[in-house]
């Protein structure tokens, strides 16, 4: 689960998960990630 999403200057993003893990999402995955987050925000469980 994502706790924080920070955009980087090269259009990549850093994601900090609730467990403290940090992941990098490349710009090629950002559109799919944004769509998935948007979908989750519309349909919270």
PDB file of N, CA and C in Angstrom:
ATOM      1  N   UNK A   1       0.833  -1.174   0.000  1.00  0.00           N
ATOM      2  CA  UNK A   1       0.000   0.000   0.000  1.00  0.00           C
ATOM      3  C   UNK A   1       0.882   1.243   0.000  1.00  0.00           C
ATOM      4  N   UNK A   2       0.487   2.205  -0.782  1.00  0.00           N
ATOM      5  CA  UNK A   2       1.276   3.417  -0.954  1.00  0.00           C
ATOM      6  C   UNK A   2       0.939   4.431   0.132  1.00  0.00           C
ATOM      7  N   UNK A   3       1.965   4.905   0.807  1.00  0.00           N
ATOM      8  CA  UNK A   3       1.801   5.938   1.823  1.00  0.00           C
ATOM      9  C   UNK A   3       2.091   7.318   1.240  1.00  0.00           C
ATOM     10  N   UNK A   4       3.034   7.369   0.274  1.00  0.00           N
ATOM     11  CA  UNK A   4       3.443   8.659  -0.282  1.00  0.00           C
ATOM     12  C   UNK A   4       3.932   8.445  -1.706  1.00  0.00           C
ATOM     13  N   UNK A   5       3.632   9.401  -2.569  1.00  0.00           N
ATOM     14  CA  UNK A   5       4.062   9.365  -3.964  1.00  0.00           C
ATOM     15  C   UNK A   5       4.704  10.706  -4.273  1.00  0.00           C
ATOM     16  N   UNK A   6       5.978  10.688  -4.660  1.00  0.00           N
ATOM     17  CA  UNK A   6       6.708  11.918  -4.962  1.00  0.00           C
ATOM     18  C   UNK A   6       7.168  11.892  -6.409  1.00  0.00           C
ATOM     19  N   UNK A   7       6.799  12.927  -7.161  1.00  0.00           N
ATOM     20  CA  UNK A   7       7.249  13.047  -8.542  1.00  0.00           C
ATOM     21  C   UNK A   7       8.706  13.479  -8.569  1.00  0.00           C
ATOM     22  N   UNK A   8       9.448  12.938  -9.516  1.00  0.00           N
ATOM     23  CA  UNK A   8      10.846  13.311  -9.704  1.00  0.00           C
ATOM     24  C   UNK A   8      10.970  14.188 -10.945  1.00  0.00           C
ATOM     25  N   UNK A   9      12.081  14.879 -11.087  1.00  0.00           N
ATOM     26  CA  UNK A   9      12.256  15.823 -12.191  1.00  0.00           C
ATOM     27  C   UNK A   9      12.283  15.149 -13.560  1.00  0.00           C
ATOM     28  N   UNK A  10      12.621  13.882 -13.631  1.00  0.00           N
ATOM     29  CA  UNK A  10      12.689  13.181 -14.909  1.00  0.00           C
ATOM     30  C   UNK A  10      11.388  12.438 -15.232  1.00  0.00           C
ATOM     31  N   UNK A  11      10.293  12.800 -14.557  1.00  0.00           N
ATOM     32  CA  UNK A  11       8.953  12.224 -14.726  1.00  0.00           C
ATOM     33  C   UNK A  11       8.827  10.831 -14.130  1.00  0.00           C
ATOM     34  N   UNK A  12       9.848  10.330 -13.458  1.00  0.00           N
ATOM     35  CA  UNK A  12       9.725   9.106 -12.678  1.00  0.00           C
ATOM     36  C   UNK A  12       9.059   9.489 -11.354  1.00  0.00           C
ATOM     37  N   UNK A  13       8.823   8.498 -10.504  1.00  0.00           N
ATOM     38  CA  UNK A  13       8.254   8.788  -9.189  1.00  0.00           C
ATOM     39  C   UNK A  13       8.865   7.858  -8.159  1.00  0.00           C
ATOM     40  N   UNK A  14       8.928   8.339  -6.934  1.00  0.00           N
ATOM     41  CA  UNK A  14       9.348   7.522  -5.807  1.00  0.00           C
ATOM     42  C   UNK A  14       8.114   7.249  -4.974  1.00  0.00           C
ATOM     43  N   UNK A  15       7.912   5.986  -4.647  1.00  0.00           N
ATOM     44  CA  UNK A  15       6.779   5.593  -3.827  1.00  0.00           C
ATOM     45  C   UNK A  15       7.300   5.074  -2.499  1.00  0.00           C
ATOM     46  N   UNK A  16       6.736   5.590  -1.412  1.00  0.00           N
ATOM     47  CA  UNK A  16       7.049   5.065  -0.089  1.00  0.00           C
ATOM     48  C   UNK A  16       5.837   4.272   0.348  1.00  0.00           C
ATOM     49  N   UNK A  17       6.061   3.008   0.656  1.00  0.00           N
ATOM     50  CA  UNK A  17       4.978   2.137   1.071  1.00  0.00           C
ATOM     51  C   UNK A  17       4.754   2.255   2.567  1.00  0.00           C
ATOM     52  N   UNK A  18       3.628   1.779   3.029  1.00  0.00           N
ATOM     53  CA  UNK A  18       3.293   1.876   4.454  1.00  0.00           C
ATOM     54  C   UNK A  18       4.295   1.155   5.346  1.00  0.00           C
ATOM     55  N   UNK A  19       4.957   0.123   4.804  1.00  0.00           N
ATOM     56  CA  UNK A  19       5.944  -0.603   5.610  1.00  0.00           C
ATOM     57  C   UNK A  19       7.317   0.071   5.607  1.00  0.00           C
ATOM     58  N   UNK A  20       7.418   1.232   4.925  1.00  0.00           N
ATOM     59  CA  UNK A  20       8.669   1.974   4.889  1.00  0.00           C
ATOM     60  C   UNK A  20       9.519   1.696   3.662  1.00  0.00           C
ATOM     61  N   UNK A  21       9.167   0.692   2.875  1.00  0.00           N
ATOM     62  CA  UNK A  21       9.908   0.393   1.654  1.00  0.00           C
ATOM     63  C   UNK A  21       9.782   1.549   0.667  1.00  0.00           C
ATOM     64  N   UNK A  22      10.834   1.763  -0.114  1.00  0.00           N
ATOM     65  CA  UNK A  22      10.825   2.808  -1.133  1.00  0.00           C
ATOM     66  C   UNK A  22      11.009   2.138  -2.483  1.00  0.00           C
ATOM     67  N   UNK A  23      10.129   2.500  -3.427  1.00  0.00           N
ATOM     68  CA  UNK A  23      10.185   1.950  -4.779  1.00  0.00           C
ATOM     69  C   UNK A  23      10.236   3.092  -5.774  1.00  0.00           C
ATOM     70  N   UNK A  24      10.882   2.844  -6.894  1.00  0.00           N
ATOM     71  CA  UNK A  24      10.931   3.831  -7.967  1.00  0.00           C
ATOM     72  C   UNK A  24      10.032   3.343  -9.098  1.00  0.00           C
ATOM     73  N   UNK A  25       9.159   4.214  -9.578  1.00  0.00           N
ATOM     74  CA  UNK A  25       8.305   3.905 -10.725  1.00  0.00           C
ATOM     75  C   UNK A  25       8.828   4.725 -11.900  1.00  0.00           C
ATOM     76  N   UNK A  26       9.197   4.048 -12.973  1.00  0.00           N
ATOM     77  CA  UNK A  26       9.721   4.763 -14.131  1.00  0.00           C
ATOM     78  C   UNK A  26       8.593   5.479 -14.863  1.00  0.00           C
ATOM     79  N   UNK A  27       8.957   6.482 -15.649  1.00  0.00           N
ATOM     80  CA  UNK A  27       7.952   7.277 -16.364  1.00  0.00           C
ATOM     81  C   UNK A  27       7.113   6.445 -17.314  1.00  0.00           C
ATOM     82  N   UNK A  28       7.633   5.325 -17.782  1.00  0.00           N
ATOM     83  CA  UNK A  28       6.839   4.482 -18.679  1.00  0.00           C
ATOM     84  C   UNK A  28       5.693   3.781 -17.943  1.00  0.00           C
ATOM     85  N   UNK A  29       5.796   3.654 -16.617  1.00  0.00           N
ATOM     86  CA  UNK A  29       4.737   3.031 -15.821  1.00  0.00           C
ATOM     87  C   UNK A  29       3.804   4.054 -15.168  1.00  0.00           C
ATOM     88  N   UNK A  30       4.147   5.323 -15.213  1.00  0.00           N
ATOM     89  CA  UNK A  30       3.355   6.338 -14.526  1.00  0.00           C
ATOM     90  C   UNK A  30       1.909   6.444 -15.014  1.00  0.00           C
ATOM     91  N   UNK A  31       1.634   6.380 -16.320  1.00  0.00           N
ATOM     92  CA  UNK A  31       0.229   6.447 -16.738  1.00  0.00           C
ATOM     93  C   UNK A  31      -0.612   5.299 -16.166  1.00  0.00           C
ATOM     94  N   UNK A  32      -0.093   4.097 -16.170  1.00  0.00           N
ATOM     95  CA  UNK A  32      -0.826   2.951 -15.620  1.00  0.00           C
ATOM     96  C   UNK A  32      -0.976   3.081 -14.107  1.00  0.00           C
ATOM     97  N   UNK A  33       0.049   3.566 -13.430  1.00  0.00           N
ATOM     98  CA  UNK A  33      -0.022   3.760 -11.983  1.00  0.00           C
ATOM     99  C   UNK A  33      -1.060   4.824 -11.639  1.00  0.00           C
ATOM    100  N   UNK A  34      -1.050   5.937 -12.371  1.00  0.00           N
ATOM    101  CA  UNK A  34      -2.018   7.003 -12.122  1.00  0.00           C
ATOM    102  C   UNK A  34      -3.443   6.506 -12.349  1.00  0.00           C
ATOM    103  N   UNK A  35      -3.651   5.733 -13.388  1.00  0.00           N
ATOM    104  CA  UNK A  35      -4.980   5.185 -13.666  1.00  0.00           C
ATOM    105  C   UNK A  35      -5.428   4.227 -12.560  1.00  0.00           C
ATOM    106  N   UNK A  36      -4.530   3.380 -12.102  1.00  0.00           N
ATOM    107  CA  UNK A  36      -4.865   2.433 -11.039  1.00  0.00           C
ATOM    108  C   UNK A  36      -5.198   3.172  -9.739  1.00  0.00           C
ATOM    109  N   UNK A  37      -4.433   4.216  -9.415  1.00  0.00           N
ATOM    110  CA  UNK A  37      -4.707   4.984  -8.201  1.00  0.00           C
ATOM    111  C   UNK A  37      -6.036   5.729  -8.312  1.00  0.00           C
ATOM    112  N   UNK A  38      -6.308   6.250  -9.488  1.00  0.00           N
ATOM    113  CA  UNK A  38      -7.574   6.938  -9.713  1.00  0.00           C
ATOM    114  C   UNK A  38      -8.750   5.970  -9.537  1.00  0.00           C
ATOM    115  N   UNK A  39      -8.596   4.775 -10.067  1.00  0.00           N
ATOM    116  CA  UNK A  39      -9.636   3.738  -9.951  1.00  0.00           C
ATOM    117  C   UNK A  39      -9.846   3.367  -8.486  1.00  0.00           C
ATOM    118  N   UNK A  40      -8.770   3.216  -7.728  1.00  0.00           N
ATOM    119  CA  UNK A  40      -8.883   2.887  -6.319  1.00  0.00           C
ATOM    120  C   UNK A  40      -9.557   3.986  -5.515  1.00  0.00           C
ATOM    121  N   UNK A  41      -9.277   5.233  -5.869  1.00  0.00           N
ATOM    122  CA  UNK A  41      -9.889   6.353  -5.152  1.00  0.00           C
ATOM    123  C   UNK A  41     -11.397   6.429  -5.415  1.00  0.00           C
ATOM    124  N   UNK A  42     -11.825   5.975  -6.594  1.00  0.00           N
ATOM    125  CA  UNK A  42     -13.256   5.971  -6.911  1.00  0.00           C
ATOM    126  C   UNK A  42     -13.974   4.813  -6.242  1.00  0.00           C
ATOM    127  N   UNK A  43     -13.266   3.699  -6.009  1.00  0.00           N
ATOM    128  CA  UNK A  43     -13.863   2.485  -5.462  1.00  0.00           C
ATOM    129  C   UNK A  43     -13.110   2.007  -4.224  1.00  0.00           C
ATOM    130  N   UNK A  44     -13.079   2.764  -3.147  1.00  0.00           N
ATOM    131  CA  UNK A  44     -12.348   2.317  -1.954  1.00  0.00           C
ATOM    132  C   UNK A  44     -13.015   1.072  -1.353  1.00  0.00           C
ATOM    133  N   UNK A  45     -12.182   0.200  -0.821  1.00  0.00           N
ATOM    134  CA  UNK A  45     -12.694  -1.042  -0.235  1.00  0.00           C
ATOM    135  C   UNK A  45     -12.917  -0.890   1.239  1.00  0.00           C
TER     136      UNK A  45
END
